[in-house]
């Protein structure tokens, strides 16, 4: 079962992730859009489900582009923000509070996607259970897409660092366990008015071999894994990011040290 680690930061989460600067990235260079093109999927193929949708960042942008999309998250606080954004833009998006490890919806989807949420599942059995629920909620030929952090990325996040935002200073530091590639990272938000919010978030990295094995064990086929390479570019005078997908090679153990994210795609036959 997932825990609601984001409850305390829901109100300012969008500023934390930089939604204003994120818009170009989501709309034009999003890993999801790139991956859908790789697998040949488009909005006309059917409804999409965002697992761990948070404040609805991806749901809102996809809906604005004509996708039929549903969002699921365990955090009611994050969903309240998502619903408010959807109403403000006049969008018809269903946001549902559920634990993705116990997913139970009344419809099937052409595509289920998740951005980094599955990194919060600490046990192999939890991840396999989520894959099985995804299988049950995909229509025949449906596509599962998810991005997950690598151990290298988690190690970087465990390094003590602070960044200044418009309303607060964000600091993070954590503890990485080499034995199981898990991490507990403390996020501290110190507002300029003196208020402080602290939350701890648990993560676990999985190797490409582990992910591929669990997906095939669940019944998925056409399993493909990519290294999500983030490359800088200049847009309208400012720095943003674009995503390129590089297939994970058989020699992945030799190169995994520099990979920050793994994108997995798999089809239900």
Protein backbone atom coordinates (compact mmCIF):
# COMPACT_ATOMS: atom_id res chain seq x y z
CA UNK A 1 0.00 0.00 0.00
CA UNK A 2 1.18 3.48 -0.84
CA UNK A 3 1.21 6.19 1.81
CA UNK A 4 0.22 9.82 1.28
CA UNK A 5 3.69 11.37 1.53
CA UNK A 6 2.61 14.47 -0.41
CA UNK A 7 -0.31 15.59 1.74
CA UNK A 8 1.63 18.38 3.43
CA UNK A 9 2.99 19.84 0.19
CA UNK A 10 -0.05 19.54 -2.10
CA UNK A 11 -0.92 23.25 -1.83
CA UNK A 12 2.42 24.35 -3.29
CA UNK A 13 3.47 21.23 -5.22
CA UNK A 14 2.97 22.87 -8.63
CA UNK A 15 5.37 25.68 -7.75
CA UNK A 16 7.80 23.09 -6.42
CA UNK A 17 7.93 21.21 -9.73
CA UNK A 18 7.85 24.46 -11.70
CA UNK A 19 4.61 24.02 -13.66
CA UNK A 20 5.02 27.32 -15.53
CA UNK A 21 8.38 26.22 -16.90
CA UNK A 22 7.16 22.63 -17.20
CA UNK A 23 4.39 23.49 -19.67
CA UNK A 24 6.54 23.39 -22.78
CA UNK A 25 8.19 20.17 -21.60
CA UNK A 26 4.84 18.47 -20.96
CA UNK A 27 3.17 19.64 -24.15
CA UNK A 28 5.95 19.20 -26.66
CA UNK A 29 8.72 17.04 -25.23
CA UNK A 30 7.01 14.93 -22.59
CA UNK A 31 8.33 11.38 -22.21
CA UNK A 32 4.75 10.15 -22.54
CA UNK A 33 4.19 11.89 -25.88
CA UNK A 34 7.53 10.61 -27.17
CA UNK A 35 6.79 7.06 -25.97
CA UNK A 36 3.29 7.02 -27.48
CA UNK A 37 4.83 7.90 -30.82
CA UNK A 38 7.38 5.08 -30.44
CA UNK A 39 4.59 2.56 -29.79
CA UNK A 40 2.29 4.07 -32.43
CA UNK A 41 -0.49 5.14 -30.05
CA UNK A 42 -2.66 8.23 -30.46
CA UNK A 43 -5.56 9.91 -28.68
CA UNK A 44 -8.13 8.28 -30.95
CA UNK A 45 -7.19 4.81 -29.64
CA UNK A 46 -9.29 5.28 -26.50
CA UNK A 47 -9.25 6.48 -22.91
CA UNK A 48 -6.05 7.01 -20.91
CA UNK A 49 -5.45 6.45 -17.17
CA UNK A 50 -2.80 8.32 -15.14
CA UNK A 51 -1.65 6.25 -12.15
CA UNK A 52 -0.46 8.55 -9.38
CA UNK A 53 -1.68 11.66 -11.15
CA UNK A 54 -0.88 14.01 -8.25
CA UNK A 55 -2.10 17.53 -9.00
CA UNK A 56 -3.14 16.47 -12.48
CA UNK A 57 -0.30 18.08 -14.44
CA UNK A 58 -0.24 15.46 -17.20
CA UNK A 59 -4.01 14.89 -17.11
CA UNK A 60 -4.77 18.57 -17.68
CA UNK A 61 -2.35 18.98 -20.57
CA UNK A 62 -3.50 15.77 -22.26
CA UNK A 63 -7.18 16.73 -21.85
CA UNK A 64 -6.46 20.15 -23.36
CA UNK A 65 -4.97 18.34 -26.34
CA UNK A 66 -8.13 16.26 -26.81
CA UNK A 67 -7.31 13.09 -24.89
CA UNK A 68 -9.94 11.35 -22.76
CA UNK A 69 -8.11 10.90 -19.47
CA UNK A 70 -8.79 9.74 -15.90
CA UNK A 71 -6.50 10.37 -12.94
CA UNK A 72 -6.02 8.19 -9.85
CA UNK A 73 -4.02 9.10 -6.76
CA UNK A 74 -3.95 8.11 -3.09
CA UNK A 75 -3.64 11.73 -1.93
CA UNK A 76 -6.98 13.51 -1.62
CA UNK A 77 -5.08 16.74 -1.01
CA UNK A 78 -3.31 16.47 -4.36
CA UNK A 79 -6.56 15.52 -6.09
CA UNK A 80 -8.32 18.60 -4.70
CA UNK A 81 -5.73 20.74 -6.47
CA UNK A 82 -6.16 18.68 -9.66
CA UNK A 83 -9.95 19.08 -9.62
CA UNK A 84 -9.69 22.82 -9.07
CA UNK A 85 -7.36 23.19 -12.06
CA UNK A 86 -9.61 21.05 -14.22
CA UNK A 87 -12.71 23.10 -13.31
CA UNK A 88 -10.88 26.38 -13.92
CA UNK A 89 -10.03 25.23 -17.45
CA UNK A 90 -13.49 23.80 -18.15
CA UNK A 91 -12.16 20.27 -18.60
CA UNK A 92 -14.04 17.04 -17.98
CA UNK A 93 -11.50 14.89 -16.10
CA UNK A 94 -12.43 12.25 -13.54
CA UNK A 95 -10.05 12.32 -10.58
CA UNK A 96 -10.45 9.31 -8.29
CA UNK A 97 -8.93 8.69 -4.86
CA UNK A 98 -7.56 5.13 -4.73
CA UNK A 99 -4.46 3.20 -3.76
CA UNK A 100 -3.04 2.01 -7.09
CA UNK A 101 -2.05 -1.28 -5.43
CA UNK A 102 -5.79 -1.90 -4.97
CA UNK A 103 -6.96 -0.38 -8.26
CA UNK A 104 -10.60 -1.06 -9.03
CA UNK A 105 -12.37 0.99 -11.70
CA UNK A 106 -15.46 0.33 -13.77
CA UNK A 107 -13.87 0.73 -17.20
CA UNK A 108 -10.88 -0.35 -19.27
CA UNK A 109 -8.33 1.87 -20.98
CA UNK A 110 -6.27 1.98 -24.16
CA UNK A 111 -3.25 3.25 -22.23
CA UNK A 112 -2.26 3.35 -18.56
CA UNK A 113 0.72 5.55 -17.71
CA UNK A 114 2.59 6.60 -14.62
CA UNK A 115 5.44 9.03 -14.05
CA UNK A 116 7.76 7.93 -11.21
CA UNK A 117 4.88 6.92 -8.89
CA UNK A 118 5.89 3.26 -9.06
CA UNK A 119 9.27 4.22 -7.57
CA UNK A 120 7.39 4.57 -4.27
CA UNK A 121 6.51 0.85 -4.20
CA UNK A 122 9.07 -0.75 -1.90
CA UNK A 123 8.26 -4.44 -2.33
CA UNK A 124 8.42 -6.59 -5.46
CA UNK A 125 5.01 -8.07 -4.62
CA UNK A 126 3.48 -4.58 -4.60
CA UNK A 127 4.81 -3.82 -8.06
CA UNK A 128 3.61 -7.15 -9.47
CA UNK A 129 0.18 -6.49 -7.95
CA UNK A 130 0.01 -3.10 -9.65
CA UNK A 131 1.02 -4.66 -12.97
CA UNK A 132 -1.78 -7.22 -12.58
CA UNK A 133 -4.31 -4.49 -11.85
CA UNK A 134 -3.09 -2.62 -14.92
CA UNK A 135 -3.52 -5.77 -16.99
CA UNK A 136 -7.10 -6.11 -15.74
CA UNK A 137 -7.85 -2.47 -16.63
CA UNK A 138 -6.33 -2.48 -20.12
CA UNK A 139 -8.35 -3.29 -23.21
CA UNK A 140 -6.89 -5.94 -25.57
CA UNK A 141 -3.83 -4.48 -27.25
CA UNK A 142 -3.62 -1.82 -24.54
CA UNK A 143 -0.36 -0.18 -23.55
CA UNK A 144 1.26 0.26 -20.13
CA UNK A 145 3.85 3.03 -19.90
CA UNK A 146 5.72 4.09 -16.79
CA UNK A 147 8.87 5.91 -15.79
CA UNK A 148 10.88 4.81 -12.77
CA UNK A 149 14.01 6.18 -11.10
CA UNK A 150 17.31 4.33 -11.16
CA UNK A 151 19.56 3.76 -8.17
CA UNK A 152 21.90 6.37 -9.65
CA UNK A 153 19.12 8.97 -9.61
CA UNK A 154 18.14 8.14 -6.03
CA UNK A 155 21.74 8.47 -4.88
CA UNK A 156 21.86 11.95 -6.39
CA UNK A 157 18.66 12.92 -4.57
CA UNK A 158 20.14 11.74 -1.27
CA UNK A 159 22.93 14.31 -1.54
CA UNK A 160 22.21 17.31 0.67
CA UNK A 161 21.21 20.30 -1.44
CA UNK A 162 19.00 23.38 -1.27
CA UNK A 163 17.29 25.42 -3.99
CA UNK A 164 15.57 28.79 -3.75
CA UNK A 165 12.04 29.24 -5.11
CA UNK A 166 9.81 32.31 -5.24
CA UNK A 167 8.03 31.55 -1.94
CA UNK A 168 10.32 29.07 -0.19
CA UNK A 169 13.69 27.36 -0.01
CA UNK A 170 13.63 23.64 -0.69
CA UNK A 171 16.25 21.41 0.88
CA UNK A 172 16.63 17.66 0.49
CA UNK A 173 18.86 15.00 1.96
CA UNK A 174 18.44 11.27 2.28
CA UNK A 175 19.79 7.86 3.10
CA UNK A 176 20.37 5.31 0.34
CA UNK A 177 20.47 1.59 1.16
CA UNK A 178 22.81 -0.28 -1.17
CA UNK A 179 21.42 -3.64 -0.01
CA UNK A 180 18.03 -3.14 -1.67
CA UNK A 181 18.45 0.12 -3.67
CA UNK A 182 15.93 1.94 -1.49
CA UNK A 183 16.05 5.48 -0.16
CA UNK A 184 14.29 7.65 2.38
CA UNK A 185 14.56 11.30 1.42
CA UNK A 186 13.62 14.22 3.65
CA UNK A 187 12.18 17.30 1.94
CA UNK A 188 12.21 20.55 3.91
CA UNK A 189 10.38 23.64 2.66
CA UNK A 190 11.26 26.85 4.53
CA UNK A 191 8.94 29.69 3.56
CA UNK A 192 10.05 33.29 3.58
CA UNK A 193 7.49 34.05 6.33
CA UNK A 194 9.28 31.59 8.62
CA UNK A 195 6.87 28.66 8.20
CA UNK A 196 8.48 25.26 7.68
CA UNK A 197 7.07 22.04 6.17
CA UNK A 198 8.94 18.75 6.40
CA UNK A 199 7.98 15.46 4.75
CA UNK A 200 9.82 12.18 4.19
CA UNK A 201 9.36 10.16 1.01
CA UNK A 202 10.39 6.53 0.44
CA UNK A 203 11.71 5.31 -2.93
CA UNK A 204 13.04 2.09 -4.41
CA UNK A 205 14.91 1.54 -7.65
CA UNK A 206 14.50 -1.55 -9.82
CA UNK A 207 16.87 -2.78 -12.51
CA UNK A 208 15.76 -3.12 -16.14
CA UNK A 209 16.07 -6.90 -15.82
CA UNK A 210 13.77 -6.94 -12.78
CA UNK A 211 11.16 -4.75 -14.45
CA UNK A 212 11.16 -6.75 -17.67
CA UNK A 213 10.82 -10.01 -15.72
CA UNK A 214 7.89 -8.77 -13.63
CA UNK A 215 6.04 -7.44 -16.69
CA UNK A 216 6.42 -10.73 -18.58
CA UNK A 217 5.44 -12.69 -15.46
CA UNK A 218 2.20 -10.69 -15.39
CA UNK A 219 1.47 -11.53 -19.03
CA UNK A 220 2.66 -8.41 -20.85
CA UNK A 221 4.42 -8.73 -24.19
CA UNK A 222 6.36 -6.41 -26.51
CA UNK A 223 8.23 -5.20 -23.42
CA UNK A 224 10.60 -2.34 -24.25
CA UNK A 225 12.84 -0.37 -21.94
CA UNK A 226 14.45 2.98 -22.61
CA UNK A 227 16.93 5.25 -20.90
CA UNK A 228 15.14 8.61 -20.57
CA UNK A 229 17.87 11.01 -21.59
CA UNK A 230 17.11 14.60 -20.61
CA UNK A 231 18.85 17.12 -22.82
CA UNK A 232 18.81 20.91 -22.37
CA UNK A 233 17.53 23.26 -25.04
CA UNK A 234 16.77 26.96 -25.29
CA UNK A 235 13.10 27.91 -25.80
CA UNK A 236 11.93 31.52 -25.97
CA UNK A 237 15.14 32.70 -24.37
CA UNK A 238 14.90 30.29 -21.40
CA UNK A 239 16.32 26.90 -20.58
CA UNK A 240 14.00 23.89 -20.71
CA UNK A 241 14.37 20.18 -21.35
CA UNK A 242 13.60 17.76 -24.12
CA UNK A 243 13.36 14.01 -23.84
CA UNK A 244 15.12 11.49 -26.01
CA UNK A 245 14.58 7.76 -25.59
CA UNK A 246 17.57 5.48 -25.95
CA UNK A 247 16.95 1.72 -25.86
CA UNK A 248 18.42 0.02 -22.81
CA UNK A 249 21.18 -2.16 -24.22
CA UNK A 250 22.14 -5.72 -23.24
CA UNK A 251 25.20 -4.18 -21.58
CA UNK A 252 22.95 -2.13 -19.31
CA UNK A 253 24.83 -3.20 -16.17
CA UNK A 254 27.88 -1.42 -17.53
CA UNK A 255 26.05 1.84 -18.30
CA UNK A 256 23.31 1.94 -15.69
CA UNK A 257 25.42 4.08 -13.38
CA UNK A 258 24.68 7.11 -15.54
CA UNK A 259 20.99 6.46 -16.18
CA UNK A 260 18.56 8.66 -14.24
CA UNK A 261 15.29 7.18 -15.43
CA UNK A 262 13.99 4.03 -17.10
CA UNK A 263 10.90 4.21 -19.30
CA UNK A 264 9.08 0.90 -19.61
CA UNK A 265 6.48 0.09 -22.21
CA UNK A 266 4.53 -3.15 -22.55
CA UNK A 267 1.43 -4.32 -24.38
CA UNK A 268 -1.45 -6.53 -23.32
CA UNK A 269 -1.93 -9.10 -26.12
